[in-house]
Amino acid sequence: IEQNMTEMKIAQKLVEIGVAKDDIVLGFQAPEFRQYTDYGVG
C-alpha cells in the first residue's frame, strides 16, 4: 500500500478478506520502521 488518503483502513480490510499480513507492505512507512508493524517489510 503506497498511500491511504481515506479513513478506510485498507490493510485491515485486506486481512479481513483473507490476505496474509506478511503479503501486505505498508509502503507509506519508511523501510526502517516497517519491521515494527504487523505487516510485511517488503
PDB file of N, CA and C in Angstrom:
ATOM      1  N   ILE A   1       0.864  -1.167   0.000  1.00  0.00           N
ATOM      2  CA  ILE A   1       0.000   0.000   0.000  1.00  0.00           C
ATOM      3  C   ILE A   1       0.905   1.222   0.000  1.00  0.00           C
ATOM      4  N   GLU A   2       0.843   2.019  -1.056  1.00  0.00           N
ATOM      5  CA  GLU A   2       1.693   3.206  -1.173  1.00  0.00           C
ATOM      6  C   GLU A   2       1.185   4.374  -0.342  1.00  0.00           C
ATOM      7  N   GLN A   3      -0.110   4.567  -0.353  1.00  0.00           N
ATOM      8  CA  GLN A   3      -0.690   5.630   0.462  1.00  0.00           C
ATOM      9  C   GLN A   3      -2.160   5.338   0.703  1.00  0.00           C
ATOM     10  N   ASN A   4      -2.689   5.962   1.729  1.00  0.00           N
ATOM     11  CA  ASN A   4      -4.103   5.811   2.049  1.00  0.00           C
ATOM     12  C   ASN A   4      -4.609   7.178   2.463  1.00  0.00           C
ATOM     13  N   MET A   5      -5.266   7.852   1.555  1.00  0.00           N
ATOM     14  CA  MET A   5      -5.775   9.196   1.812  1.00  0.00           C
ATOM     15  C   MET A   5      -7.248   9.144   2.224  1.00  0.00           C
ATOM     16  N   THR A   6      -7.673   7.992   2.744  1.00  0.00           N
ATOM     17  CA  THR A   6      -9.057   7.822   3.173  1.00  0.00           C
ATOM     18  C   THR A   6      -9.077   7.460   4.652  1.00  0.00           C
ATOM     19  N   GLU A   7     -10.253   7.434   5.219  1.00  0.00           N
ATOM     20  CA  GLU A   7     -10.388   6.993   6.606  1.00  0.00           C
ATOM     21  C   GLU A   7     -10.491   5.475   6.693  1.00  0.00           C
ATOM     22  N   MET A   8     -10.653   4.813   5.537  1.00  0.00           N
ATOM     23  CA  MET A   8     -10.747   3.360   5.499  1.00  0.00           C
ATOM     24  C   MET A   8      -9.375   2.752   5.800  1.00  0.00           C
ATOM     25  N   LYS A   9      -9.362   1.730   6.614  1.00  0.00           N
ATOM     26  CA  LYS A   9      -8.123   1.019   6.922  1.00  0.00           C
ATOM     27  C   LYS A   9      -7.973  -0.108   5.910  1.00  0.00           C
ATOM     28  N   ILE A  10      -7.333   0.219   4.787  1.00  0.00           N
ATOM     29  CA  ILE A  10      -7.244  -0.707   3.663  1.00  0.00           C
ATOM     30  C   ILE A  10      -6.540  -2.004   4.054  1.00  0.00           C
ATOM     31  N   ALA A  11      -5.439  -1.902   4.783  1.00  0.00           N
ATOM     32  CA  ALA A  11      -4.709  -3.108   5.176  1.00  0.00           C
ATOM     33  C   ALA A  11      -5.599  -4.026   6.005  1.00  0.00           C
ATOM     34  N   GLN A  12      -6.348  -3.467   6.919  1.00  0.00           N
ATOM     35  CA  GLN A  12      -7.239  -4.282   7.751  1.00  0.00           C
ATOM     36  C   GLN A  12      -8.331  -4.933   6.905  1.00  0.00           C
ATOM     37  N   LYS A  13      -8.850  -4.208   5.926  1.00  0.00           N
ATOM     38  CA  LYS A  13      -9.866  -4.783   5.036  1.00  0.00           C
ATOM     39  C   LYS A  13      -9.286  -5.967   4.260  1.00  0.00           C
ATOM     40  N   LEU A  14      -8.037  -5.844   3.798  1.00  0.00           N
ATOM     41  CA  LEU A  14      -7.394  -6.946   3.078  1.00  0.00           C
ATOM     42  C   LEU A  14      -7.249  -8.172   3.973  1.00  0.00           C
ATOM     43  N   VAL A  15      -6.861  -7.960   5.218  1.00  0.00           N
ATOM     44  CA  VAL A  15      -6.740  -9.066   6.169  1.00  0.00           C
ATOM     45  C   VAL A  15      -8.097  -9.731   6.377  1.00  0.00           C
ATOM     46  N   GLU A  16      -9.139  -8.928   6.484  1.00  0.00           N
ATOM     47  CA  GLU A  16     -10.485  -9.466   6.707  1.00  0.00           C
ATOM     48  C   GLU A  16     -10.959 -10.363   5.571  1.00  0.00           C
ATOM     49  N   ILE A  17     -10.480 -10.107   4.344  1.00  0.00           N
ATOM     50  CA  ILE A  17     -10.891 -10.954   3.217  1.00  0.00           C
ATOM     51  C   ILE A  17      -9.902 -12.089   2.952  1.00  0.00           C
ATOM     52  N   GLY A  18      -8.905 -12.234   3.837  1.00  0.00           N
ATOM     53  CA  GLY A  18      -8.036 -13.397   3.752  1.00  0.00           C
ATOM     54  C   GLY A  18      -6.619 -13.175   3.274  1.00  0.00           C
ATOM     55  N   VAL A  19      -6.217 -11.953   3.025  1.00  0.00           N
ATOM     56  CA  VAL A  19      -4.836 -11.687   2.614  1.00  0.00           C
ATOM     57  C   VAL A  19      -3.944 -11.769   3.853  1.00  0.00           C
ATOM     58  N   ALA A  20      -2.862 -12.521   3.760  1.00  0.00           N
ATOM     59  CA  ALA A  20      -1.945 -12.666   4.892  1.00  0.00           C
ATOM     60  C   ALA A  20      -1.232 -11.346   5.169  1.00  0.00           C
ATOM     61  N   LYS A  21      -1.045 -11.034   6.444  1.00  0.00           N
ATOM     62  CA  LYS A  21      -0.368  -9.783   6.810  1.00  0.00           C
ATOM     63  C   LYS A  21       1.038  -9.715   6.229  1.00  0.00           C
ATOM     64  N   ASP A  22       1.711 -10.866   6.101  1.00  0.00           N
ATOM     65  CA  ASP A  22       3.056 -10.889   5.524  1.00  0.00           C
ATOM     66  C   ASP A  22       3.066 -10.485   4.059  1.00  0.00           C
ATOM     67  N   ASP A  23       1.911 -10.582   3.393  1.00  0.00           N
ATOM     68  CA  ASP A  23       1.805 -10.217   1.983  1.00  0.00           C
ATOM     69  C   ASP A  23       1.446  -8.749   1.778  1.00  0.00           C
ATOM     70  N   ILE A  24       1.215  -8.028   2.856  1.00  0.00           N
ATOM     71  CA  ILE A  24       0.845  -6.615   2.777  1.00  0.00           C
ATOM     72  C   ILE A  24       2.033  -5.789   3.256  1.00  0.00           C
ATOM     73  N   VAL A  25       2.496  -4.876   2.425  1.00  0.00           N
ATOM     74  CA  VAL A  25       3.602  -3.988   2.797  1.00  0.00           C
ATOM     75  C   VAL A  25       3.070  -2.566   2.838  1.00  0.00           C
ATOM     76  N   LEU A  26       3.284  -1.908   3.956  1.00  0.00           N
ATOM     77  CA  LEU A  26       2.848  -0.519   4.109  1.00  0.00           C
ATOM     78  C   LEU A  26       3.929   0.388   3.526  1.00  0.00           C
ATOM     79  N   GLY A  27       3.818   0.647   2.227  1.00  0.00           N
ATOM     80  CA  GLY A  27       4.827   1.429   1.524  1.00  0.00           C
ATOM     81  C   GLY A  27       4.945   2.862   2.000  1.00  0.00           C
ATOM     82  N   PHE A  28       3.925   3.368   2.675  1.00  0.00           N
ATOM     83  CA  PHE A  28       3.991   4.740   3.182  1.00  0.00           C
ATOM     84  C   PHE A  28       4.805   4.821   4.475  1.00  0.00           C
ATOM     85  N   GLN A  29       5.170   3.671   5.037  1.00  0.00           N
ATOM     86  CA  GLN A  29       6.069   3.643   6.190  1.00  0.00           C
ATOM     87  C   GLN A  29       7.499   3.522   5.669  1.00  0.00           C
ATOM     88  N   ALA A  30       8.414   4.246   6.266  1.00  0.00           N
ATOM     89  CA  ALA A  30       9.823   4.139   5.878  1.00  0.00           C
ATOM     90  C   ALA A  30      10.296   2.700   6.114  1.00  0.00           C
ATOM     91  N   PRO A  31      11.148   2.170   5.214  1.00  0.00           N
ATOM     92  CA  PRO A  31      11.586   0.773   5.338  1.00  0.00           C
ATOM     93  C   PRO A  31      12.146   0.418   6.716  1.00  0.00           C
ATOM     94  N   GLU A  32      12.855   1.329   7.335  1.00  0.00           N
ATOM     95  CA  GLU A  32      13.447   1.014   8.641  1.00  0.00           C
ATOM     96  C   GLU A  32      12.407   0.898   9.761  1.00  0.00           C
ATOM     97  N   PHE A  33      11.184   1.362   9.513  1.00  0.00           N
ATOM     98  CA  PHE A  33      10.129   1.274  10.525  1.00  0.00           C
ATOM     99  C   PHE A  33       9.130   0.150  10.250  1.00  0.00           C
ATOM    100  N   ARG A  34       9.175  -0.430   9.065  1.00  0.00           N
ATOM    101  CA  ARG A  34       8.203  -1.475   8.711  1.00  0.00           C
ATOM    102  C   ARG A  34       8.324  -2.707   9.594  1.00  0.00           C
ATOM    103  N   GLN A  35       9.516  -2.965  10.105  1.00  0.00           N
ATOM    104  CA  GLN A  35       9.696  -4.141  10.967  1.00  0.00           C
ATOM    105  C   GLN A  35       8.881  -4.044  12.252  1.00  0.00           C
ATOM    106  N   TYR A  36       8.457  -2.852  12.603  1.00  0.00           N
ATOM    107  CA  TYR A  36       7.688  -2.649  13.833  1.00  0.00           C
ATOM    108  C   TYR A  36       6.179  -2.705  13.602  1.00  0.00           C
ATOM    109  N   THR A  37       5.766  -2.907  12.351  1.00  0.00           N
ATOM    110  CA  THR A  37       4.345  -3.062  12.054  1.00  0.00           C
ATOM    111  C   THR A  37       4.002  -4.545  12.084  1.00  0.00           C
ATOM    112  N   ASP A  38       2.748  -4.859  12.007  1.00  0.00           N
ATOM    113  CA  ASP A  38       2.320  -6.261  11.964  1.00  0.00           C
ATOM    114  C   ASP A  38       2.299  -6.797  10.539  1.00  0.00           C
ATOM    115  N   TYR A  39       2.800  -6.027   9.585  1.00  0.00           N
ATOM    116  CA  TYR A  39       2.701  -6.374   8.173  1.00  0.00           C
ATOM    117  C   TYR A  39       4.072  -6.695   7.594  1.00  0.00           C
ATOM    118  N   GLY A  40       4.100  -7.049   6.304  1.00  0.00           N
ATOM    119  CA  GLY A  40       5.343  -7.395   5.640  1.00  0.00           C
ATOM    120  C   GLY A  40       6.312  -6.225   5.585  1.00  0.00           C
ATOM    121  N   VAL A  41       7.590  -6.545   5.376  1.00  0.00           N
ATOM    122  CA  VAL A  41       8.611  -5.496   5.327  1.00  0.00           C
ATOM    123  C   VAL A  41       9.059  -5.187   3.907  1.00  0.00           C
ATOM    124  N   GLY A  42       8.640  -6.004   2.947  1.00  0.00           N
ATOM    125  CA  GLY A  42       8.934  -5.744   1.547  1.00  0.00           C
ATOM    126  C   GLY A  42      10.339  -6.013   1.202  1.00  0.00           C
TER     127      GLY A  42
END
